[in-house]
PDB file of N, CA and C in Angstrom:
ATOM      1  N   MET A   1      12.372   4.793  -0.251  1.00  0.00           N
ATOM      2  CA  MET A   1      11.305   4.753  -1.254  1.00  0.00           C
ATOM      3  C   MET A   1       9.969   4.309  -0.582  1.00  0.00           C
ATOM      4  N   SER A   2       9.000   5.037  -0.830  1.00  0.00           N
ATOM      5  CA  SER A   2       7.574   4.612  -0.152  1.00  0.00           C
ATOM      6  C   SER A   2       7.001   3.549  -0.990  1.00  0.00           C
ATOM      7  N   MET A   3       6.025   2.804  -0.419  1.00  0.00           N
ATOM      8  CA  MET A   3       5.271   1.850  -1.187  1.00  0.00           C
ATOM      9  C   MET A   3       4.393   2.420  -2.288  1.00  0.00           C
ATOM     10  N   LEU A   4       4.043   3.843  -2.130  1.00  0.00           N
ATOM     11  CA  LEU A   4       3.291   4.273  -3.193  1.00  0.00           C
ATOM     12  C   LEU A   4       4.252   4.495  -4.356  1.00  0.00           C
ATOM     13  N   GLU A   5       5.474   4.941  -4.188  1.00  0.00           N
ATOM     14  CA  GLU A   5       6.508   5.154  -5.256  1.00  0.00           C
ATOM     15  C   GLU A   5       6.812   3.817  -5.872  1.00  0.00           C
ATOM     16  N   ALA A   6       6.985   2.768  -5.013  1.00  0.00           N
ATOM     17  CA  ALA A   6       7.238   1.467  -5.583  1.00  0.00           C
ATOM     18  C   ALA A   6       6.078   0.838  -6.405  1.00  0.00           C
ATOM     19  N   ALA A   7       4.857   1.201  -6.014  1.00  0.00           N
ATOM     20  CA  ALA A   7       3.670   0.762  -6.758  1.00  0.00           C
ATOM     21  C   ALA A   7       3.792   1.513  -8.183  1.00  0.00           C
ATOM     22  N   HIS A   8       3.992   2.649  -8.217  1.00  0.00           N
ATOM     23  CA  HIS A   8       3.883   3.527  -9.411  1.00  0.00           C
ATOM     24  C   HIS A   8       5.129   3.111 -10.379  1.00  0.00           C
ATOM     25  N   GLU A   9       6.325   2.786  -9.877  1.00  0.00           N
ATOM     26  CA  GLU A   9       7.441   2.281 -10.613  1.00  0.00           C
ATOM     27  C   GLU A   9       7.110   0.926 -11.206  1.00  0.00           C
ATOM     28  N   ASN A  10       6.318   0.148 -10.627  1.00  0.00           N
ATOM     29  CA  ASN A  10       5.925  -1.191 -11.165  1.00  0.00           C
ATOM     30  C   ASN A  10       4.507  -1.308 -11.784  1.00  0.00           C
ATOM     31  N   VAL A  11       3.919  -0.138 -12.091  1.00  0.00           N
ATOM     32  CA  VAL A  11       2.606  -0.109 -12.859  1.00  0.00           C
ATOM     33  C   VAL A  11       1.457  -0.936 -12.009  1.00  0.00           C
ATOM     34  N   ILE A  12       1.555  -0.667 -10.633  1.00  0.00           N
ATOM     35  CA  ILE A  12       0.475  -1.324  -9.792  1.00  0.00           C
ATOM     36  C   ILE A  12      -0.579   0.026  -9.666  1.00  0.00           C
ATOM     37  N   GLU A  13      -1.825  -0.308  -9.688  1.00  0.00           N
ATOM     38  CA  GLU A  13      -2.842   0.682  -9.664  1.00  0.00           C
ATOM     39  C   GLU A  13      -3.069   1.149  -8.116  1.00  0.00           C
ATOM     40  N   LEU A  14      -2.361   2.093  -7.715  1.00  0.00           N
ATOM     41  CA  LEU A  14      -2.404   2.636  -6.319  1.00  0.00           C
ATOM     42  C   LEU A  14      -2.296   4.099  -6.640  1.00  0.00           C
ATOM     43  N   GLU A  15      -3.511   4.797  -6.452  1.00  0.00           N
ATOM     44  CA  GLU A  15      -3.716   6.060  -7.004  1.00  0.00           C
ATOM     45  C   GLU A  15      -2.731   7.091  -6.466  1.00  0.00           C
ATOM     46  N   GLY A  16      -2.814   7.517  -5.317  1.00  0.00           N
ATOM     47  CA  GLY A  16      -1.725   8.587  -4.743  1.00  0.00           C
ATOM     48  C   GLY A  16      -2.191   9.943  -5.339  1.00  0.00           C
ATOM     49  N   ALA A  17      -3.446  10.407  -5.271  1.00  0.00           N
ATOM     50  CA  ALA A  17      -3.865  11.673  -5.923  1.00  0.00           C
ATOM     51  C   ALA A  17      -2.932  12.890  -5.353  1.00  0.00           C
ATOM     52  N   CYS A  18      -2.514  12.798  -4.315  1.00  0.00           N
ATOM     53  CA  CYS A  18      -1.844  14.026  -3.634  1.00  0.00           C
ATOM     54  C   CYS A  18      -0.207  13.816  -3.643  1.00  0.00           C
ATOM     55  N   GLU A  19       0.084  12.791  -4.363  1.00  0.00           N
ATOM     56  CA  GLU A  19       1.557  12.439  -4.741  1.00  0.00           C
ATOM     57  C   GLU A  19       2.271  12.319  -3.344  1.00  0.00           C
ATOM     58  N   GLY A  20       1.829  11.775  -2.352  1.00  0.00           N
ATOM     59  CA  GLY A  20       2.365  11.557  -0.984  1.00  0.00           C
ATOM     60  C   GLY A  20       2.547  12.786  -0.137  1.00  0.00           C
ATOM     61  N   SER A  21       1.633  13.765  -0.200  1.00  0.00           N
ATOM     62  CA  SER A  21       1.680  14.916   0.527  1.00  0.00           C
ATOM     63  C   SER A  21       0.889  14.799   1.781  1.00  0.00           C
ATOM     64  N   LEU A  22       0.167  13.661   2.061  1.00  0.00           N
ATOM     65  CA  LEU A  22      -0.689  13.486   3.252  1.00  0.00           C
ATOM     66  C   LEU A  22      -1.918  14.326   3.134  1.00  0.00           C
ATOM     67  N   ALA A  23      -2.542  14.693   1.962  1.00  0.00           N
ATOM     68  CA  ALA A  23      -3.565  15.434   1.651  1.00  0.00           C
ATOM     69  C   ALA A  23      -4.736  14.460   1.020  1.00  0.00           C
ATOM     70  N   CYS A  24      -4.734  13.246   1.038  1.00  0.00           N
ATOM     71  CA  CYS A  24      -5.810  12.234   0.526  1.00  0.00           C
ATOM     72  C   CYS A  24      -5.626  10.997   1.174  1.00  0.00           C
ATOM     73  N   SER A  25      -6.486  10.140   0.854  1.00  0.00           N
ATOM     74  CA  SER A  25      -6.392   8.764   1.280  1.00  0.00           C
ATOM     75  C   SER A  25      -6.473   7.645   0.148  1.00  0.00           C
ATOM     76  N   THR A  26      -6.109   8.135  -1.038  1.00  0.00           N
ATOM     77  CA  THR A  26      -6.156   7.399  -2.232  1.00  0.00           C
ATOM     78  C   THR A  26      -5.061   6.176  -2.360  1.00  0.00           C
ATOM     79  N   CYS A  27      -4.016   6.370  -1.485  1.00  0.00           N
ATOM     80  CA  CYS A  27      -3.047   5.391  -1.560  1.00  0.00           C
ATOM     81  C   CYS A  27      -3.136   4.391  -0.302  1.00  0.00           C
ATOM     82  N   HIS A  28      -4.455   4.319   0.225  1.00  0.00           N
ATOM     83  CA  HIS A  28      -4.761   3.447   1.281  1.00  0.00           C
ATOM     84  C   HIS A  28      -4.431   2.026   1.011  1.00  0.00           C
ATOM     85  N   VAL A  29      -3.645   1.281   1.964  1.00  0.00           N
ATOM     86  CA  VAL A  29      -3.382  -0.130   1.790  1.00  0.00           C
ATOM     87  C   VAL A  29      -3.698  -0.780   3.132  1.00  0.00           C
ATOM     88  N   ARG A  30      -3.875  -2.086   3.028  1.00  0.00           N
ATOM     89  CA  ARG A  30      -4.027  -3.003   4.314  1.00  0.00           C
ATOM     90  C   ARG A  30      -2.715  -3.794   4.464  1.00  0.00           C
ATOM     91  N   VAL A  31      -2.003  -3.598   5.620  1.00  0.00           N
ATOM     92  CA  VAL A  31      -0.945  -4.514   5.915  1.00  0.00           C
ATOM     93  C   VAL A  31      -1.620  -5.846   6.256  1.00  0.00           C
ATOM     94  N   MET A  32      -1.246  -6.913   5.637  1.00  0.00           N
ATOM     95  CA  MET A  32      -1.826  -8.217   5.668  1.00  0.00           C
ATOM     96  C   MET A  32      -1.423  -8.981   6.848  1.00  0.00           C
ATOM     97  N   ASP A  33      -0.302  -8.725   7.504  1.00  0.00           N
ATOM     98  CA  ASP A  33       0.145  -9.450   8.645  1.00  0.00           C
ATOM     99  C   ASP A  33       0.462  -8.562   9.730  1.00  0.00           C
ATOM    100  N   MET A  34      -0.078  -8.791  10.919  1.00  0.00           N
ATOM    101  CA  MET A  34       0.084  -7.929  12.145  1.00  0.00           C
ATOM    102  C   MET A  34       1.486  -7.694  12.598  1.00  0.00           C
ATOM    103  N   GLU A  35       2.242  -8.768  12.294  1.00  0.00           N
ATOM    104  CA  GLU A  35       3.642  -8.739  12.648  1.00  0.00           C
ATOM    105  C   GLU A  35       4.424  -7.715  11.916  1.00  0.00           C
ATOM    106  N   TYR A  36       4.104  -7.535  10.490  1.00  0.00           N
ATOM    107  CA  TYR A  36       4.656  -6.426   9.861  1.00  0.00           C
ATOM    108  C   TYR A  36       3.999  -5.021  10.223  1.00  0.00           C
ATOM    109  N   TYR A  37       2.780  -4.996  10.475  1.00  0.00           N
ATOM    110  CA  TYR A  37       2.112  -3.769  10.857  1.00  0.00           C
ATOM    111  C   TYR A  37       2.802  -3.121  12.113  1.00  0.00           C
ATOM    112  N   ASN A  38       3.104  -4.106  13.119  1.00  0.00           N
ATOM    113  CA  ASN A  38       3.719  -3.665  14.271  1.00  0.00           C
ATOM    114  C   ASN A  38       5.160  -3.134  14.063  1.00  0.00           C
ATOM    115  N   LYS A  39       5.782  -3.514  13.017  1.00  0.00           N
ATOM    116  CA  LYS A  39       7.115  -2.950  12.657  1.00  0.00           C
ATOM    117  C   LYS A  39       7.166  -1.477  12.219  1.00  0.00           C
ATOM    118  N   LEU A  40       6.075  -1.080  11.752  1.00  0.00           N
ATOM    119  CA  LEU A  40       5.880   0.320  11.248  1.00  0.00           C
ATOM    120  C   LEU A  40       5.906   1.365  12.172  1.00  0.00           C
ATOM    121  N   GLU A  41       6.391   2.458  11.929  1.00  0.00           N
ATOM    122  CA  GLU A  41       6.292   3.569  12.841  1.00  0.00           C
ATOM    123  C   GLU A  41       4.945   3.920  13.068  1.00  0.00           C
ATOM    124  N   ASP A  42       4.422   4.492  14.088  1.00  0.00           N
ATOM    125  CA  ASP A  42       3.148   4.937  14.364  1.00  0.00           C
ATOM    126  C   ASP A  42       2.718   6.070  13.392  1.00  0.00           C
ATOM    127  N   PRO A  43       1.510   5.940  12.871  1.00  0.00           N
ATOM    128  CA  PRO A  43       1.024   7.001  11.997  1.00  0.00           C
ATOM    129  C   PRO A  43       1.045   8.381  12.552  1.00  0.00           C
ATOM    130  N   VAL A  44       1.436   9.464  11.976  1.00  0.00           N
ATOM    131  CA  VAL A  44       1.273  10.718  12.383  1.00  0.00           C
ATOM    132  C   VAL A  44      -0.138  11.202  12.543  1.00  0.00           C
ATOM    133  N   ASP A  45      -0.553  12.350  13.116  1.00  0.00           N
ATOM    134  CA  ASP A  45      -1.927  12.682  13.190  1.00  0.00           C
ATOM    135  C   ASP A  45      -2.544  12.922  11.765  1.00  0.00           C
ATOM    136  N   GLU A  46      -1.775  13.531  10.831  1.00  0.00           N
ATOM    137  CA  GLU A  46      -2.198  13.880   9.528  1.00  0.00           C
ATOM    138  C   GLU A  46      -2.585  12.481   8.757  1.00  0.00           C
ATOM    139  N   GLU A  47      -1.796  11.490   8.927  1.00  0.00           N
ATOM    140  CA  GLU A  47      -2.054  10.130   8.407  1.00  0.00           C
ATOM    141  C   GLU A  47      -3.485   9.661   8.885  1.00  0.00           C
ATOM    142  N   ASN A  48      -3.682   9.696  10.232  1.00  0.00           N
ATOM    143  CA  ASN A  48      -4.706   9.203  10.799  1.00  0.00           C
ATOM    144  C   ASN A  48      -6.169   9.980  10.388  1.00  0.00           C
ATOM    145  N   ASP A  49      -5.868  11.209  10.109  1.00  0.00           N
ATOM    146  CA  ASP A  49      -7.004  12.167   9.709  1.00  0.00           C
ATOM    147  C   ASP A  49      -7.410  11.731   8.223  1.00  0.00           C
ATOM    148  N   MET A  50      -6.377  11.324   7.370  1.00  0.00           N
ATOM    149  CA  MET A  50      -6.760  10.989   6.059  1.00  0.00           C
ATOM    150  C   MET A  50      -7.219   9.540   6.130  1.00  0.00           C
ATOM    151  N   LEU A  51      -6.754   8.683   6.911  1.00  0.00           N
ATOM    152  CA  LEU A  51      -7.152   7.293   6.933  1.00  0.00           C
ATOM    153  C   LEU A  51      -8.674   7.327   7.375  1.00  0.00           C
ATOM    154  N   ASP A  52      -9.211   8.300   8.186  1.00  0.00           N
ATOM    155  CA  ASP A  52     -10.537   8.406   8.554  1.00  0.00           C
ATOM    156  C   ASP A  52     -11.521   8.531   7.235  1.00  0.00           C
ATOM    157  N   LEU A  53     -10.894   8.905   6.219  1.00  0.00           N
ATOM    158  CA  LEU A  53     -11.687   9.261   5.001  1.00  0.00           C
ATOM    159  C   LEU A  53     -11.464   7.924   3.970  1.00  0.00           C
ATOM    160  N   ALA A  54     -10.751   7.037   4.324  1.00  0.00           N
ATOM    161  CA  ALA A  54     -10.419   5.952   3.438  1.00  0.00           C
ATOM    162  C   ALA A  54     -11.603   4.884   3.411  1.00  0.00           C
ATOM    163  N   PHE A  55     -11.805   4.319   2.158  1.00  0.00           N
ATOM    164  CA  PHE A  55     -12.678   3.302   1.846  1.00  0.00           C
ATOM    165  C   PHE A  55     -12.292   1.996   2.595  1.00  0.00           C
ATOM    166  N   GLY A  56     -13.104   1.226   3.179  1.00  0.00           N
ATOM    167  CA  GLY A  56     -12.792  -0.045   3.742  1.00  0.00           C
ATOM    168  C   GLY A  56     -11.777   0.074   4.770  1.00  0.00           C
ATOM    169  N   LEU A  57     -11.683   0.992   5.763  1.00  0.00           N
ATOM    170  CA  LEU A  57     -10.770   1.109   6.774  1.00  0.00           C
ATOM    171  C   LEU A  57     -10.582  -0.224   7.640  1.00  0.00           C
ATOM    172  N   THR A  58      -9.432  -0.624   8.000  1.00  0.00           N
ATOM    173  CA  THR A  58      -9.378  -1.883   8.913  1.00  0.00           C
ATOM    174  C   THR A  58      -8.345  -1.531   9.973  1.00  0.00           C
ATOM    175  N   GLU A  59      -8.168  -2.323  10.920  1.00  0.00           N
ATOM    176  CA  GLU A  59      -7.216  -2.233  11.961  1.00  0.00           C
ATOM    177  C   GLU A  59      -5.777  -1.943  11.457  1.00  0.00           C
ATOM    178  N   THR A  60      -5.520  -2.631  10.388  1.00  0.00           N
ATOM    179  CA  THR A  60      -4.142  -2.627   9.707  1.00  0.00           C
ATOM    180  C   THR A  60      -3.914  -1.619   8.573  1.00  0.00           C
ATOM    181  N   SER A  61      -4.828  -0.752   8.505  1.00  0.00           N
ATOM    182  CA  SER A  61      -4.887   0.164   7.257  1.00  0.00           C
ATOM    183  C   SER A  61      -3.734   1.250   7.495  1.00  0.00           C
ATOM    184  N   ARG A  62      -3.139   1.627   6.494  1.00  0.00           N
ATOM    185  CA  ARG A  62      -2.026   2.720   6.374  1.00  0.00           C
ATOM    186  C   ARG A  62      -2.056   3.214   5.021  1.00  0.00           C
ATOM    187  N   LEU A  63      -1.496   4.465   4.871  1.00  0.00           N
ATOM    188  CA  LEU A  63      -1.306   5.046   3.632  1.00  0.00           C
ATOM    189  C   LEU A  63      -0.015   4.548   2.846  1.00  0.00           C
ATOM    190  N   GLY A  64      -0.036   4.124   1.740  1.00  0.00           N
ATOM    191  CA  GLY A  64       1.081   3.629   1.041  1.00  0.00           C
ATOM    192  C   GLY A  64       2.276   4.619   1.034  1.00  0.00           C
ATOM    193  N   CYS A  65       1.976   6.048   0.990  1.00  0.00           N
ATOM    194  CA  CYS A  65       2.976   7.023   0.839  1.00  0.00           C
ATOM    195  C   CYS A  65       3.776   7.016   2.159  1.00  0.00           C
ATOM    196  N   GLN A  66       3.254   6.521   3.295  1.00  0.00           N
ATOM    197  CA  GLN A  66       3.806   6.648   4.549  1.00  0.00           C
ATOM    198  C   GLN A  66       4.582   5.458   5.029  1.00  0.00           C
ATOM    199  N   ILE A  67       4.559   4.376   4.217  1.00  0.00           N
ATOM    200  CA  ILE A  67       5.200   3.120   4.565  1.00  0.00           C
ATOM    201  C   ILE A  67       6.570   3.251   3.659  1.00  0.00           C
ATOM    202  N   VAL A  68       7.646   3.370   4.332  1.00  0.00           N
ATOM    203  CA  VAL A  68       8.990   3.467   3.678  1.00  0.00           C
ATOM    204  C   VAL A  68       9.752   2.029   3.800  1.00  0.00           C
ATOM    205  N   ALA A  69      10.279   1.777   2.621  1.00  0.00           N
ATOM    206  CA  ALA A  69      11.080   0.510   2.527  1.00  0.00           C
ATOM    207  C   ALA A  69      12.192   0.433   3.490  1.00  0.00           C
ATOM    208  N   SER A  70      12.294  -0.682   4.268  1.00  0.00           N
ATOM    209  CA  SER A  70      13.461  -0.919   5.248  1.00  0.00           C
ATOM    210  C   SER A  70      13.690  -2.435   5.208  1.00  0.00           C
ATOM    211  N   PRO A  71      14.932  -2.821   5.572  1.00  0.00           N
ATOM    212  CA  PRO A  71      15.166  -4.189   5.708  1.00  0.00           C
ATOM    213  C   PRO A  71      14.127  -5.016   6.636  1.00  0.00           C
ATOM    214  N   GLU A  72      13.527  -4.293   7.652  1.00  0.00           N
ATOM    215  CA  GLU A  72      12.604  -4.842   8.640  1.00  0.00           C
ATOM    216  C   GLU A  72      11.424  -5.315   7.836  1.00  0.00           C
ATOM    217  N   LEU A  73      11.092  -4.742   6.797  1.00  0.00           N
ATOM    218  CA  LEU A  73       9.810  -4.954   5.996  1.00  0.00           C
ATOM    219  C   LEU A  73       9.983  -5.968   5.005  1.00  0.00           C
ATOM    220  N   ASP A  74      11.066  -6.608   4.884  1.00  0.00           N
ATOM    221  CA  ASP A  74      11.229  -7.471   3.801  1.00  0.00           C
ATOM    222  C   ASP A  74      10.186  -8.565   3.914  1.00  0.00           C
ATOM    223  N   GLY A  75       9.375  -8.852   2.858  1.00  0.00           N
ATOM    224  CA  GLY A  75       8.305  -9.789   2.761  1.00  0.00           C
ATOM    225  C   GLY A  75       6.914  -9.273   3.014  1.00  0.00           C
ATOM    226  N   ILE A  76       6.861  -8.014   3.398  1.00  0.00           N
ATOM    227  CA  ILE A  76       5.550  -7.454   3.654  1.00  0.00           C
ATOM    228  C   ILE A  76       4.455  -7.670   2.627  1.00  0.00           C
ATOM    229  N   CYS A  77       3.226  -7.921   2.861  1.00  0.00           N
ATOM    230  CA  CYS A  77       2.263  -8.079   1.851  1.00  0.00           C
ATOM    231  C   CYS A  77       1.144  -6.993   2.175  1.00  0.00           C
ATOM    232  N   LEU A  78       0.917  -6.247   0.987  1.00  0.00           N
ATOM    233  CA  LEU A  78      -0.169  -5.112   1.248  1.00  0.00           C
ATOM    234  C   LEU A  78      -1.333  -5.595   0.266  1.00  0.00           C
ATOM    235  N   ALA A  79      -2.558  -5.248   0.830  1.00  0.00           N
ATOM    236  CA  ALA A  79      -3.742  -5.558  -0.113  1.00  0.00           C
ATOM    237  C   ALA A  79      -4.323  -4.100  -0.465  1.00  0.00           C
ATOM    238  N   ILE A  80      -4.572  -3.849  -1.787  1.00  0.00           N
ATOM    239  CA  ILE A  80      -5.065  -2.562  -2.208  1.00  0.00           C
ATOM    240  C   ILE A  80      -6.588  -2.768  -2.222  1.00  0.00           C
ATOM    241  N   PRO A  81      -7.400  -1.924  -1.500  1.00  0.00           N
ATOM    242  CA  PRO A  81      -8.732  -2.125  -1.432  1.00  0.00           C
ATOM    243  C   PRO A  81      -9.403  -1.891  -2.982  1.00  0.00           C
ATOM    244  N   ALA A  82     -10.586  -2.452  -3.082  1.00  0.00           N
ATOM    245  CA  ALA A  82     -11.196  -2.306  -4.236  1.00  0.00           C
ATOM    246  C   ALA A  82     -11.632  -0.865  -4.825  1.00  0.00           C
ATOM    247  N   ALA A  83     -11.601   0.038  -3.950  1.00  0.00           N
ATOM    248  CA  ALA A  83     -11.999   1.386  -4.199  1.00  0.00           C
ATOM    249  C   ALA A  83     -11.364   2.294  -3.316  1.00  0.00           C
ATOM    250  N   SER A  84     -11.192   3.664  -3.818  1.00  0.00           N
ATOM    251  CA  SER A  84     -10.750   4.717  -3.036  1.00  0.00           C
ATOM    252  C   SER A  84     -11.836   5.994  -3.179  1.00  0.00           C
ATOM    253  N   ARG A  85     -11.686   7.032  -2.607  1.00  0.00           N
ATOM    254  CA  ARG A  85     -12.576   8.111  -2.814  1.00  0.00           C
ATOM    255  C   ARG A  85     -12.617   8.581  -4.310  1.00  0.00           C
ATOM    256  N   ASN A  86     -11.582   8.312  -5.048  1.00  0.00           N
ATOM    257  CA  ASN A  86     -11.440   8.647  -6.453  1.00  0.00           C
ATOM    258  C   ASN A  86     -11.547   7.661  -7.449  1.00  0.00           C
ATOM    259  N   PHE A  87     -11.394   6.355  -7.023  1.00  0.00           N
ATOM    260  CA  PHE A  87     -11.122   5.380  -7.944  1.00  0.00           C
ATOM    261  C   PHE A  87     -11.829   3.990  -7.522  1.00  0.00           C
ATOM    262  N   SER A  88     -12.397   3.462  -8.491  1.00  0.00           N
ATOM    263  CA  SER A  88     -13.287   2.153  -8.127  1.00  0.00           C
ATOM    264  C   SER A  88     -12.965   1.033  -9.199  1.00  0.00           C
ATOM    265  N   VAL A  89     -12.839  -0.139  -8.598  1.00  0.00           N
ATOM    266  CA  VAL A  89     -12.640  -1.291  -9.607  1.00  0.00           C
ATOM    267  C   VAL A  89     -13.740  -2.174  -9.273  1.00  0.00           C
ATOM    268  N   ASP A  90     -14.512  -2.521 -10.257  1.00  0.00           N
ATOM    269  CA  ASP A  90     -15.717  -3.409 -10.086  1.00  0.00           C
ATOM    270  C   ASP A  90     -15.852  -4.118 -11.479  1.00  0.00           C
ATOM    271  N   GLY A  91     -17.116  -4.797 -11.354  1.00  0.00           N
ATOM    272  CA  GLY A  91     -17.356  -5.546 -12.513  1.00  0.00           C
ATOM    273  C   GLY A  91     -17.447  -6.967 -12.311  1.00  0.00           C
ATOM    274  N   PRO A  92     -17.980  -7.845 -13.096  1.00  0.00           N
ATOM    275  CA  PRO A  92     -18.097  -9.297 -12.909  1.00  0.00           C
ATOM    276  C   PRO A  92     -16.903  -9.987 -12.737  1.00  0.00           C
ATOM    277  N   GLY A  93     -16.820 -10.807 -11.780  1.00  0.00           N
ATOM    278  CA  GLY A  93     -15.553 -11.541 -11.543  1.00  0.00           C
ATOM    279  C   GLY A  93     -14.549 -10.787 -10.736  1.00  0.00           C
ATOM    280  N   TYR A  94     -14.743  -9.592 -10.315  1.00  0.00           N
ATOM    281  CA  TYR A  94     -13.661  -8.815  -9.623  1.00  0.00           C
ATOM    282  C   TYR A  94     -13.457  -9.207  -8.205  1.00  0.00           C
ATOM    283  N   SER A  95     -12.276  -9.327  -7.728  1.00  0.00           N
ATOM    284  CA  SER A  95     -12.105  -9.575  -6.325  1.00  0.00           C
ATOM    285  C   SER A  95     -10.952  -8.520  -5.917  1.00  0.00           C
ATOM    286  N   PRO A  96     -10.931  -8.082  -4.757  1.00  0.00           N
ATOM    287  CA  PRO A  96      -9.871  -7.162  -4.274  1.00  0.00           C
ATOM    288  C   PRO A  96      -8.504  -7.486  -4.730  1.00  0.00           C
ATOM    289  N   SER A  97      -7.733  -6.521  -4.971  1.00  0.00           N
ATOM    290  CA  SER A  97      -6.345  -6.651  -5.477  1.00  0.00           C
ATOM    291  C   SER A  97      -5.472  -6.878  -4.313  1.00  0.00           C
ATOM    292  N   PHE A  98      -4.565  -7.982  -4.454  1.00  0.00           N
ATOM    293  CA  PHE A  98      -3.532  -8.217  -3.556  1.00  0.00           C
ATOM    294  C   PHE A  98      -2.151  -8.054  -4.126  1.00  0.00           C
ATOM    295  N   GLN A  99      -1.367  -7.219  -3.712  1.00  0.00           N
ATOM    296  CA  GLN A  99       0.027  -6.893  -4.054  1.00  0.00           C
ATOM    297  C   GLN A  99       0.840  -7.328  -3.037  1.00  0.00           C
ATOM    298  N   CYS A 100       1.835  -8.099  -3.182  1.00  0.00           N
ATOM    299  CA  CYS A 100       2.881  -8.425  -2.161  1.00  0.00           C
ATOM    300  C   CYS A 100       4.217  -7.753  -2.453  1.00  0.00           C
ATOM    301  N   LEU A 101       4.704  -7.057  -1.416  1.00  0.00           N
ATOM    302  CA  LEU A 101       5.901  -6.421  -1.710  1.00  0.00           C
ATOM    303  C   LEU A 101       7.058  -7.274  -1.102  1.00  0.00           C
ATOM    304  N   PHE A 102       8.077  -7.380  -1.825  1.00  0.00           N
ATOM    305  CA  PHE A 102       9.389  -7.915  -1.527  1.00  0.00           C
ATOM    306  C   PHE A 102      10.513  -6.951  -1.575  1.00  0.00           C
ATOM    307  N   LEU A 103      11.294  -6.861  -0.482  1.00  0.00           N
ATOM    308  CA  LEU A 103      12.352  -5.836  -0.514  1.00  0.00           C
ATOM    309  C   LEU A 103      13.738  -6.566  -0.684  1.00  0.00           C
ATOM    310  N   SER A 104      14.620  -5.852  -1.337  1.00  0.00           N
ATOM    311  CA  SER A 104      15.928  -6.254  -1.519  1.00  0.00           C
ATOM    312  C   SER A 104      16.823  -5.195  -0.849  1.00  0.00           C
ATOM    313  N   GLU A 105      18.098  -5.436  -0.946  1.00  0.00           N
ATOM    314  CA  GLU A 105      18.984  -4.405  -0.222  1.00  0.00           C
ATOM    315  C   GLU A 105      19.012  -3.159  -0.867  1.00  0.00           C
ATOM    316  N   THR A 106      18.617  -3.108  -2.280  1.00  0.00           N
ATOM    317  CA  THR A 106      18.779  -1.898  -2.980  1.00  0.00           C
ATOM    318  C   THR A 106      17.449  -1.217  -3.312  1.00  0.00           C
ATOM    319  N   ALA A 107      16.287  -1.986  -3.459  1.00  0.00           N
ATOM    320  CA  ALA A 107      15.158  -1.366  -3.806  1.00  0.00           C
ATOM    321  C   ALA A 107      13.808  -2.400  -3.455  1.00  0.00           C
ATOM    322  N   PRO A 108      12.726  -1.813  -3.444  1.00  0.00           N
ATOM    323  CA  PRO A 108      11.490  -2.690  -3.264  1.00  0.00           C
ATOM    324  C   PRO A 108      11.134  -3.173  -4.517  1.00  0.00           C
ATOM    325  N   ALA A 109      10.369  -4.441  -4.562  1.00  0.00           N
ATOM    326  CA  ALA A 109       9.732  -4.716  -5.657  1.00  0.00           C
ATOM    327  C   ALA A 109       8.448  -5.223  -5.420  1.00  0.00           C
ATOM    328  N   ILE A 110       7.540  -5.070  -6.438  1.00  0.00           N
ATOM    329  CA  ILE A 110       6.096  -5.447  -6.033  1.00  0.00           C
ATOM    330  C   ILE A 110       5.790  -6.721  -6.984  1.00  0.00           C
ATOM    331  N   ALA A 111       5.098  -7.651  -6.378  1.00  0.00           N
ATOM    332  CA  ALA A 111       4.610  -8.833  -7.274  1.00  0.00           C
ATOM    333  C   ALA A 111       3.095  -9.041  -7.121  1.00  0.00           C
ATOM    334  N   ASP A 112       2.581  -9.582  -8.036  1.00  0.00           N
ATOM    335  CA  ASP A 112       1.064  -9.787  -7.976  1.00  0.00           C
ATOM    336  C   ASP A 112       0.856 -11.076  -7.165  1.00  0.00           C
ATOM    337  N   GLY A 113      -0.417 -11.635  -7.209  1.00  0.00           N
ATOM    338  CA  GLY A 113      -0.784 -12.704  -6.519  1.00  0.00           C
ATOM    339  C   GLY A 113      -0.077 -13.931  -7.050  1.00  0.00           C
ATOM    340  N   THR A 114       0.650 -13.930  -8.124  1.00  0.00           N
ATOM    341  CA  THR A 114       1.244 -15.100  -8.544  1.00  0.00           C
ATOM    342  C   THR A 114       2.669 -15.184  -7.913  1.00  0.00           C
ATOM    343  N   MET A 115       3.056 -14.192  -7.102  1.00  0.00           N
ATOM    344  CA  MET A 115       4.391 -14.170  -6.448  1.00  0.00           C
ATOM    345  C   MET A 115       5.619 -14.082  -7.410  1.00  0.00           C
ATOM    346  N   LYS A 116       5.285 -13.663  -8.566  1.00  0.00           N
ATOM    347  CA  LYS A 116       6.434 -13.504  -9.545  1.00  0.00           C
ATOM    348  C   LYS A 116       7.011 -12.074  -9.181  1.00  0.00           C
ATOM    349  N   GLU A 117       8.362 -12.041  -9.078  1.00  0.00           N
ATOM    350  CA  GLU A 117       9.028 -10.988  -8.515  1.00  0.00           C
ATOM    351  C   GLU A 117       9.313 -10.047  -9.736  1.00  0.00           C
ATOM    352  N   PHE A 118       9.114  -8.713  -9.448  1.00  0.00           N
ATOM    353  CA  PHE A 118       9.373  -7.715 -10.421  1.00  0.00           C
ATOM    354  C   PHE A 118      10.733  -6.955  -9.948  1.00  0.00           C
ATOM    355  N   GLY A 119      11.383  -6.304 -10.886  1.00  0.00           N
ATOM    356  CA  GLY A 119      12.397  -5.351 -10.398  1.00  0.00           C
ATOM    357  C   GLY A 119      13.612  -5.928  -9.768  1.00  0.00           C
ATOM    358  N   GLY A 120      14.405  -5.105  -9.183  1.00  0.00           N
ATOM    359  CA  GLY A 120      15.715  -5.567  -8.468  1.00  0.00           C
ATOM    360  C   GLY A 120      15.600  -5.919  -7.180  1.00  0.00           C
TER     361      GLY A 120
END
């Protein structure tokens, strides 16, 4: 299961306009810990091309559709930028969304900043 799929299953606002086909950058996320970033497979050329279009690109940016759940990623924390090419979150008092991903043996689960665990 990809992080995009896990986000959608847990009603987390991560757009994914192309539904994971590497044709957009709307599921752009930031891996918050370099240790976890280094555990990911290197991005393919198509992902790098799409990341070039992403809002707020950082050194640890990846597309959520390309991060696949695995035991090595247990405890990964992803930040969802405040905007994408198709979607913007703003207004008084808004701060960027932080979603932390926790993996179990059977499925990923996403929790908000309160660290309350969702799902299995």
